[in-house]
Amino acid sequence: MKKLLDWAKGFLSDKGEASSKRLVGLVCAGFLCWTLYANHNSEHTPSDALVWAVAGLAAAALGFTTYEKAVNNKKKDEAE
């Protein structure tokens, strides 16, 4: 259990600083998956605009975090 908690801390932080973009991206992705699964065969399906908005927010948050980390790593390599 401790290994799992340490992994989660490391995943949601970058150099000891919390990353809200990762947290937002993961929460959005989780809720999107839950909503789609919960409504996969019900009469009341979520609106397409809502699904695309949440998917876009999750992709943007996780994508921006990845881009930011790649740029910071590149700057570090150039400085050395």
PDB file of N, CA and C in Angstrom:
ATOM      1  N   MET A   1       0.820  -1.188   0.000  1.00  0.00           N
ATOM      2  CA  MET A   1       0.000   0.000   0.000  1.00  0.00           C
ATOM      3  C   MET A   1       0.868   1.258   0.000  1.00  0.00           C
ATOM      4  N   LYS A   2       1.971   1.218   0.735  1.00  0.00           N
ATOM      5  CA  LYS A   2       2.862   2.369   0.799  1.00  0.00           C
ATOM      6  C   LYS A   2       3.467   2.644  -0.577  1.00  0.00           C
ATOM      7  N   LYS A   3       3.799   1.595  -1.313  1.00  0.00           N
ATOM      8  CA  LYS A   3       4.356   1.784  -2.653  1.00  0.00           C
ATOM      9  C   LYS A   3       3.352   2.463  -3.574  1.00  0.00           C
ATOM     10  N   LEU A   4       2.092   2.088  -3.437  1.00  0.00           N
ATOM     11  CA  LEU A   4       1.043   2.697  -4.256  1.00  0.00           C
ATOM     12  C   LEU A   4       0.888   4.178  -3.929  1.00  0.00           C
ATOM     13  N   LEU A   5       0.902   4.520  -2.649  1.00  0.00           N
ATOM     14  CA  LEU A   5       0.792   5.923  -2.247  1.00  0.00           C
ATOM     15  C   LEU A   5       2.010   6.725  -2.696  1.00  0.00           C
ATOM     16  N   ASP A   6       3.195   6.145  -2.591  1.00  0.00           N
ATOM     17  CA  ASP A   6       4.397   6.834  -3.057  1.00  0.00           C
ATOM     18  C   ASP A   6       4.349   7.053  -4.562  1.00  0.00           C
ATOM     19  N   TRP A   7       3.852   6.059  -5.300  1.00  0.00           N
ATOM     20  CA  TRP A   7       3.720   6.210  -6.748  1.00  0.00           C
ATOM     21  C   TRP A   7       2.744   7.331  -7.083  1.00  0.00           C
ATOM     22  N   ALA A   8       1.605   7.388  -6.385  1.00  0.00           N
ATOM     23  CA  ALA A   8       0.607   8.426  -6.638  1.00  0.00           C
ATOM     24  C   ALA A   8       1.168   9.809  -6.321  1.00  0.00           C
ATOM     25  N   LYS A   9       1.924   9.934  -5.236  1.00  0.00           N
ATOM     26  CA  LYS A   9       2.542  11.218  -4.903  1.00  0.00           C
ATOM     27  C   LYS A   9       3.511  11.641  -5.996  1.00  0.00           C
ATOM     28  N   GLY A  10       4.297  10.710  -6.466  1.00  0.00           N
ATOM     29  CA  GLY A  10       5.264  11.019  -7.527  1.00  0.00           C
ATOM     30  C   GLY A  10       4.590  11.349  -8.843  1.00  0.00           C
ATOM     31  N   PHE A  11       3.473  10.713  -9.120  1.00  0.00           N
ATOM     32  CA  PHE A  11       2.768  10.956 -10.379  1.00  0.00           C
ATOM     33  C   PHE A  11       2.089  12.317 -10.374  1.00  0.00           C
ATOM     34  N   LEU A  12       1.544  12.707  -9.235  1.00  0.00           N
ATOM     35  CA  LEU A  12       0.811  13.969  -9.151  1.00  0.00           C
ATOM     36  C   LEU A  12       1.696  15.147  -8.777  1.00  0.00           C
ATOM     37  N   SER A  13       2.999  14.932  -8.647  1.00  0.00           N
ATOM     38  CA  SER A  13       3.881  16.043  -8.316  1.00  0.00           C
ATOM     39  C   SER A  13       5.083  16.030  -9.245  1.00  0.00           C
ATOM     40  N   ASP A  14       5.682  17.184  -9.372  1.00  0.00           N
ATOM     41  CA  ASP A  14       6.870  17.320 -10.198  1.00  0.00           C
ATOM     42  C   ASP A  14       7.921  18.026  -9.353  1.00  0.00           C
ATOM     43  N   LYS A  15       8.960  17.316  -8.982  1.00  0.00           N
ATOM     44  CA  LYS A  15      10.018  17.847  -8.121  1.00  0.00           C
ATOM     45  C   LYS A  15       9.467  18.305  -6.777  1.00  0.00           C
ATOM     46  N   GLY A  16       8.543  17.561  -6.225  1.00  0.00           N
ATOM     47  CA  GLY A  16       7.981  17.880  -4.922  1.00  0.00           C
ATOM     48  C   GLY A  16       6.849  18.891  -4.942  1.00  0.00           C
ATOM     49  N   GLU A  17       6.549  19.439  -6.112  1.00  0.00           N
ATOM     50  CA  GLU A  17       5.461  20.412  -6.233  1.00  0.00           C
ATOM     51  C   GLU A  17       4.241  19.716  -6.825  1.00  0.00           C
ATOM     52  N   ALA A  18       3.089  19.984  -6.257  1.00  0.00           N
ATOM     53  CA  ALA A  18       1.856  19.369  -6.757  1.00  0.00           C
ATOM     54  C   ALA A  18       1.524  19.913  -8.140  1.00  0.00           C
ATOM     55  N   SER A  19       1.018  19.047  -9.004  1.00  0.00           N
ATOM     56  CA  SER A  19       0.631  19.440 -10.351  1.00  0.00           C
ATOM     57  C   SER A  19      -0.884  19.389 -10.460  1.00  0.00           C
ATOM     58  N   SER A  20      -1.512  20.551 -10.433  1.00  0.00           N
ATOM     59  CA  SER A  20      -2.969  20.583 -10.513  1.00  0.00           C
ATOM     60  C   SER A  20      -3.454  20.187 -11.895  1.00  0.00           C
ATOM     61  N   LYS A  21      -2.646  20.406 -12.922  1.00  0.00           N
ATOM     62  CA  LYS A  21      -3.049  20.026 -14.281  1.00  0.00           C
ATOM     63  C   LYS A  21      -3.204  18.512 -14.395  1.00  0.00           C
ATOM     64  N   ARG A  22      -2.292  17.770 -13.806  1.00  0.00           N
ATOM     65  CA  ARG A  22      -2.399  16.309 -13.837  1.00  0.00           C
ATOM     66  C   ARG A  22      -3.627  15.842 -13.070  1.00  0.00           C
ATOM     67  N   LEU A  23      -3.850  16.449 -11.914  1.00  0.00           N
ATOM     68  CA  LEU A  23      -5.008  16.063 -11.110  1.00  0.00           C
ATOM     69  C   LEU A  23      -6.304  16.356 -11.854  1.00  0.00           C
ATOM     70  N   VAL A  24      -6.414  17.540 -12.456  1.00  0.00           N
ATOM     71  CA  VAL A  24      -7.614  17.902 -13.218  1.00  0.00           C
ATOM     72  C   VAL A  24      -7.798  16.948 -14.388  1.00  0.00           C
ATOM     73  N   GLY A  25      -6.729  16.653 -15.099  1.00  0.00           N
ATOM     74  CA  GLY A  25      -6.814  15.743 -16.234  1.00  0.00           C
ATOM     75  C   GLY A  25      -7.275  14.349 -15.837  1.00  0.00           C
ATOM     76  N   LEU A  26      -6.726  13.844 -14.746  1.00  0.00           N
ATOM     77  CA  LEU A  26      -7.109  12.506 -14.298  1.00  0.00           C
ATOM     78  C   LEU A  26      -8.533  12.468 -13.766  1.00  0.00           C
ATOM     79  N   VAL A  27      -8.943  13.504 -13.049  1.00  0.00           N
ATOM     80  CA  VAL A  27     -10.314  13.545 -12.528  1.00  0.00           C
ATOM     81  C   VAL A  27     -11.302  13.636 -13.689  1.00  0.00           C
ATOM     82  N   CYS A  28     -11.007  14.483 -14.672  1.00  0.00           N
ATOM     83  CA  CYS A  28     -11.887  14.599 -15.847  1.00  0.00           C
ATOM     84  C   CYS A  28     -11.973  13.274 -16.599  1.00  0.00           C
ATOM     85  N   ALA A  29     -10.841  12.649 -16.811  1.00  0.00           N
ATOM     86  CA  ALA A  29     -10.840  11.367 -17.518  1.00  0.00           C
ATOM     87  C   ALA A  29     -11.613  10.316 -16.730  1.00  0.00           C
ATOM     88  N   GLY A  30     -11.440  10.304 -15.417  1.00  0.00           N
ATOM     89  CA  GLY A  30     -12.173   9.347 -14.587  1.00  0.00           C
ATOM     90  C   GLY A  30     -13.672   9.558 -14.639  1.00  0.00           C
ATOM     91  N   PHE A  31     -14.102  10.813 -14.509  1.00  0.00           N
ATOM     92  CA  PHE A  31     -15.532  11.098 -14.577  1.00  0.00           C
ATOM     93  C   PHE A  31     -16.101  10.815 -15.957  1.00  0.00           C
ATOM     94  N   LEU A  32     -15.334  11.086 -16.990  1.00  0.00           N
ATOM     95  CA  LEU A  32     -15.798  10.795 -18.345  1.00  0.00           C
ATOM     96  C   LEU A  32     -16.008   9.294 -18.527  1.00  0.00           C
ATOM     97  N   CYS A  33     -15.037   8.507 -18.093  1.00  0.00           N
ATOM     98  CA  CYS A  33     -15.177   7.047 -18.203  1.00  0.00           C
ATOM     99  C   CYS A  33     -16.367   6.557 -17.376  1.00  0.00           C
ATOM    100  N   TRP A  34     -16.509   7.060 -16.154  1.00  0.00           N
ATOM    101  CA  TRP A  34     -17.620   6.645 -15.306  1.00  0.00           C
ATOM    102  C   TRP A  34     -18.958   7.017 -15.943  1.00  0.00           C
ATOM    103  N   THR A  35     -19.072   8.239 -16.470  1.00  0.00           N
ATOM    104  CA  THR A  35     -20.326   8.681 -17.081  1.00  0.00           C
ATOM    105  C   THR A  35     -20.678   7.843 -18.297  1.00  0.00           C
ATOM    106  N   LEU A  36     -19.697   7.587 -19.144  1.00  0.00           N
ATOM    107  CA  LEU A  36     -19.961   6.789 -20.342  1.00  0.00           C
ATOM    108  C   LEU A  36     -20.339   5.357 -19.979  1.00  0.00           C
ATOM    109  N   TYR A  37     -19.674   4.795 -18.965  1.00  0.00           N
ATOM    110  CA  TYR A  37     -20.023   3.436 -18.559  1.00  0.00           C
ATOM    111  C   TYR A  37     -21.406   3.384 -17.910  1.00  0.00           C
ATOM    112  N   ALA A  38     -21.698   4.352 -17.054  1.00  0.00           N
ATOM    113  CA  ALA A  38     -22.984   4.355 -16.352  1.00  0.00           C
ATOM    114  C   ALA A  38     -24.155   4.538 -17.310  1.00  0.00           C
ATOM    115  N   ASN A  39     -23.943   5.214 -18.413  1.00  0.00           N
ATOM    116  CA  ASN A  39     -25.021   5.510 -19.352  1.00  0.00           C
ATOM    117  C   ASN A  39     -24.911   4.729 -20.659  1.00  0.00           C
ATOM    118  N   HIS A  40     -24.134   3.679 -20.679  1.00  0.00           N
ATOM    119  CA  HIS A  40     -23.908   2.987 -21.952  1.00  0.00           C
ATOM    120  C   HIS A  40     -25.151   2.282 -22.482  1.00  0.00           C
ATOM    121  N   ASN A  41     -26.098   1.961 -21.656  1.00  0.00           N
ATOM    122  CA  ASN A  41     -27.324   1.363 -22.171  1.00  0.00           C
ATOM    123  C   ASN A  41     -28.561   1.881 -21.442  1.00  0.00           C
ATOM    124  N   SER A  42     -28.555   3.160 -21.134  1.00  0.00           N
ATOM    125  CA  SER A  42     -29.739   3.753 -20.504  1.00  0.00           C
ATOM    126  C   SER A  42     -30.420   4.677 -21.503  1.00  0.00           C
ATOM    127  N   GLU A  43     -31.619   5.078 -21.167  1.00  0.00           N
ATOM    128  CA  GLU A  43     -32.370   5.972 -22.048  1.00  0.00           C
ATOM    129  C   GLU A  43     -31.801   7.381 -22.057  1.00  0.00           C
ATOM    130  N   HIS A  44     -31.258   7.802 -20.933  1.00  0.00           N
ATOM    131  CA  HIS A  44     -30.772   9.177 -20.805  1.00  0.00           C
ATOM    132  C   HIS A  44     -29.260   9.206 -20.993  1.00  0.00           C
ATOM    133  N   THR A  45     -28.833   9.421 -22.204  1.00  0.00           N
ATOM    134  CA  THR A  45     -27.404   9.494 -22.478  1.00  0.00           C
ATOM    135  C   THR A  45     -26.922  10.927 -22.277  1.00  0.00           C
ATOM    136  N   PRO A  46     -25.653  11.101 -21.921  1.00  0.00           N
ATOM    137  CA  PRO A  46     -25.127  12.460 -21.766  1.00  0.00           C
ATOM    138  C   PRO A  46     -25.054  13.147 -23.127  1.00  0.00           C
ATOM    139  N   SER A  47     -25.142  14.454 -23.130  1.00  0.00           N
ATOM    140  CA  SER A  47     -25.107  15.185 -24.397  1.00  0.00           C
ATOM    141  C   SER A  47     -23.720  15.067 -25.015  1.00  0.00           C
ATOM    142  N   ASP A  48     -23.693  15.090 -26.334  1.00  0.00           N
ATOM    143  CA  ASP A  48     -22.418  14.983 -27.038  1.00  0.00           C
ATOM    144  C   ASP A  48     -21.492  16.147 -26.697  1.00  0.00           C
ATOM    145  N   ALA A  49     -22.062  17.344 -26.559  1.00  0.00           N
ATOM    146  CA  ALA A  49     -21.240  18.508 -26.241  1.00  0.00           C
ATOM    147  C   ALA A  49     -20.564  18.355 -24.883  1.00  0.00           C
ATOM    148  N   LEU A  50     -21.270  17.802 -23.910  1.00  0.00           N
ATOM    149  CA  LEU A  50     -20.694  17.603 -22.585  1.00  0.00           C
ATOM    150  C   LEU A  50     -19.562  16.579 -22.638  1.00  0.00           C
ATOM    151  N   VAL A  51     -19.781  15.502 -23.344  1.00  0.00           N
ATOM    152  CA  VAL A  51     -18.749  14.467 -23.459  1.00  0.00           C
ATOM    153  C   VAL A  51     -17.505  15.036 -24.127  1.00  0.00           C
ATOM    154  N   TRP A  52     -17.675  15.773 -25.223  1.00  0.00           N
ATOM    155  CA  TRP A  52     -16.526  16.349 -25.934  1.00  0.00           C
ATOM    156  C   TRP A  52     -15.822  17.407 -25.085  1.00  0.00           C
ATOM    157  N   ALA A  53     -16.573  18.179 -24.321  1.00  0.00           N
ATOM    158  CA  ALA A  53     -15.962  19.204 -23.470  1.00  0.00           C
ATOM    159  C   ALA A  53     -15.092  18.578 -22.382  1.00  0.00           C
ATOM    160  N   VAL A  54     -15.600  17.539 -21.739  1.00  0.00           N
ATOM    161  CA  VAL A  54     -14.826  16.884 -20.683  1.00  0.00           C
ATOM    162  C   VAL A  54     -13.624  16.163 -21.277  1.00  0.00           C
ATOM    163  N   ALA A  55     -13.805  15.524 -22.422  1.00  0.00           N
ATOM    164  CA  ALA A  55     -12.680  14.846 -23.078  1.00  0.00           C
ATOM    165  C   ALA A  55     -11.622  15.862 -23.494  1.00  0.00           C
ATOM    166  N   GLY A  56     -12.051  16.995 -24.008  1.00  0.00           N
ATOM    167  CA  GLY A  56     -11.105  18.034 -24.404  1.00  0.00           C
ATOM    168  C   GLY A  56     -10.353  18.609 -23.220  1.00  0.00           C
ATOM    169  N   LEU A  57     -11.049  18.819 -22.115  1.00  0.00           N
ATOM    170  CA  LEU A  57     -10.402  19.332 -20.911  1.00  0.00           C
ATOM    171  C   LEU A  57      -9.375  18.342 -20.377  1.00  0.00           C
ATOM    172  N   ALA A  58      -9.727  17.077 -20.358  1.00  0.00           N
ATOM    173  CA  ALA A  58      -8.786  16.056 -19.887  1.00  0.00           C
ATOM    174  C   ALA A  58      -7.573  15.982 -20.805  1.00  0.00           C
ATOM    175  N   ALA A  59      -7.799  15.981 -22.107  1.00  0.00           N
ATOM    176  CA  ALA A  59      -6.688  15.911 -23.064  1.00  0.00           C
ATOM    177  C   ALA A  59      -5.804  17.151 -22.975  1.00  0.00           C
ATOM    178  N   ALA A  60      -6.417  18.314 -22.835  1.00  0.00           N
ATOM    179  CA  ALA A  60      -5.637  19.549 -22.746  1.00  0.00           C
ATOM    180  C   ALA A  60      -4.807  19.585 -21.464  1.00  0.00           C
ATOM    181  N   ALA A  61      -5.394  19.195 -20.359  1.00  0.00           N
ATOM    182  CA  ALA A  61      -4.668  19.233 -19.084  1.00  0.00           C
ATOM    183  C   ALA A  61      -3.495  18.261 -19.096  1.00  0.00           C
ATOM    184  N   LEU A  62      -3.724  17.044 -19.538  1.00  0.00           N
ATOM    185  CA  LEU A  62      -2.643  16.058 -19.565  1.00  0.00           C
ATOM    186  C   LEU A  62      -1.628  16.375 -20.657  1.00  0.00           C
ATOM    187  N   GLY A  63      -2.106  16.866 -21.798  1.00  0.00           N
ATOM    188  CA  GLY A  63      -1.198  17.223 -22.886  1.00  0.00           C
ATOM    189  C   GLY A  63      -0.326  18.406 -22.536  1.00  0.00           C
ATOM    190  N   PHE A  64      -0.892  19.412 -21.878  1.00  0.00           N
ATOM    191  CA  PHE A  64      -0.107  20.576 -21.489  1.00  0.00           C
ATOM    192  C   PHE A  64       0.948  20.197 -20.459  1.00  0.00           C
ATOM    193  N   THR A  65       0.606  19.316 -19.548  1.00  0.00           N
ATOM    194  CA  THR A  65       1.576  18.859 -18.554  1.00  0.00           C
ATOM    195  C   THR A  65       2.729  18.135 -19.234  1.00  0.00           C
ATOM    196  N   THR A  66       2.422  17.293 -20.197  1.00  0.00           N
ATOM    197  CA  THR A  66       3.461  16.567 -20.929  1.00  0.00           C
ATOM    198  C   THR A  66       4.349  17.527 -21.703  1.00  0.00           C
ATOM    199  N   TYR A  67       3.739  18.488 -22.377  1.00  0.00           N
ATOM    200  CA  TYR A  67       4.490  19.478 -23.143  1.00  0.00           C
ATOM    201  C   TYR A  67       5.393  20.300 -22.231  1.00  0.00           C
ATOM    202  N   GLU A  68       4.849  20.734 -21.112  1.00  0.00           N
ATOM    203  CA  GLU A  68       5.611  21.540 -20.168  1.00  0.00           C
ATOM    204  C   GLU A  68       6.823  20.774 -19.640  1.00  0.00           C
ATOM    205  N   LYS A  69       6.625  19.509 -19.336  1.00  0.00           N
ATOM    206  CA  LYS A  69       7.726  18.695 -18.827  1.00  0.00           C
ATOM    207  C   LYS A  69       8.787  18.477 -19.905  1.00  0.00           C
ATOM    208  N   ALA A  70       8.369  18.256 -21.145  1.00  0.00           N
ATOM    209  CA  ALA A  70       9.320  18.051 -22.234  1.00  0.00           C
ATOM    210  C   ALA A  70      10.137  19.314 -22.490  1.00  0.00           C
ATOM    211  N   VAL A  71       9.504  20.467 -22.459  1.00  0.00           N
ATOM    212  CA  VAL A  71      10.223  21.728 -22.680  1.00  0.00           C
ATOM    213  C   VAL A  71      11.208  21.986 -21.548  1.00  0.00           C
ATOM    214  N   ASN A  72      10.801  21.734 -20.312  1.00  0.00           N
ATOM    215  CA  ASN A  72      11.703  21.930 -19.172  1.00  0.00           C
ATOM    216  C   ASN A  72      12.896  20.990 -19.246  1.00  0.00           C
ATOM    217  N   ASN A  73      12.677  19.743 -19.662  1.00  0.00           N
ATOM    218  CA  ASN A  73      13.792  18.801 -19.804  1.00  0.00           C
ATOM    219  C   ASN A  73      14.745  19.246 -20.907  1.00  0.00           C
ATOM    220  N   LYS A  74      14.206  19.780 -21.995  1.00  0.00           N
ATOM    221  CA  LYS A  74      15.031  20.250 -23.107  1.00  0.00           C
ATOM    222  C   LYS A  74      15.875  21.453 -22.662  1.00  0.00           C
ATOM    223  N   LYS A  75      15.287  22.366 -21.914  1.00  0.00           N
ATOM    224  CA  LYS A  75      16.014  23.533 -21.410  1.00  0.00           C
ATOM    225  C   LYS A  75      17.127  23.100 -20.463  1.00  0.00           C
ATOM    226  N   LYS A  76      16.855  22.079 -19.636  1.00  0.00           N
ATOM    227  CA  LYS A  76      17.874  21.570 -18.724  1.00  0.00           C
ATOM    228  C   LYS A  76      19.049  20.988 -19.490  1.00  0.00           C
ATOM    229  N   ASP A  77      18.754  20.219 -20.544  1.00  0.00           N
ATOM    230  CA  ASP A  77      19.810  19.606 -21.345  1.00  0.00           C
ATOM    231  C   ASP A  77      20.656  20.656 -22.039  1.00  0.00           C
ATOM    232  N   GLU A  78      20.033  21.731 -22.511  1.00  0.00           N
ATOM    233  CA  GLU A  78      20.775  22.792 -23.192  1.00  0.00           C
ATOM    234  C   GLU A  78      21.636  23.567 -22.210  1.00  0.00           C
ATOM    235  N   ALA A  79      21.205  23.690 -20.969  1.00  0.00           N
ATOM    236  CA  ALA A  79      21.964  24.434 -19.963  1.00  0.00           C
ATOM    237  C   ALA A  79      23.211  23.674 -19.538  1.00  0.00           C
ATOM    238  N   GLU A  80      23.179  22.371 -19.631  1.00  0.00           N
ATOM    239  CA  GLU A  80      24.322  21.546 -19.179  1.00  0.00           C
ATOM    240  C   GLU A  80      25.359  21.451 -20.216  1.00  0.00           C
TER     241      GLU A  80
END
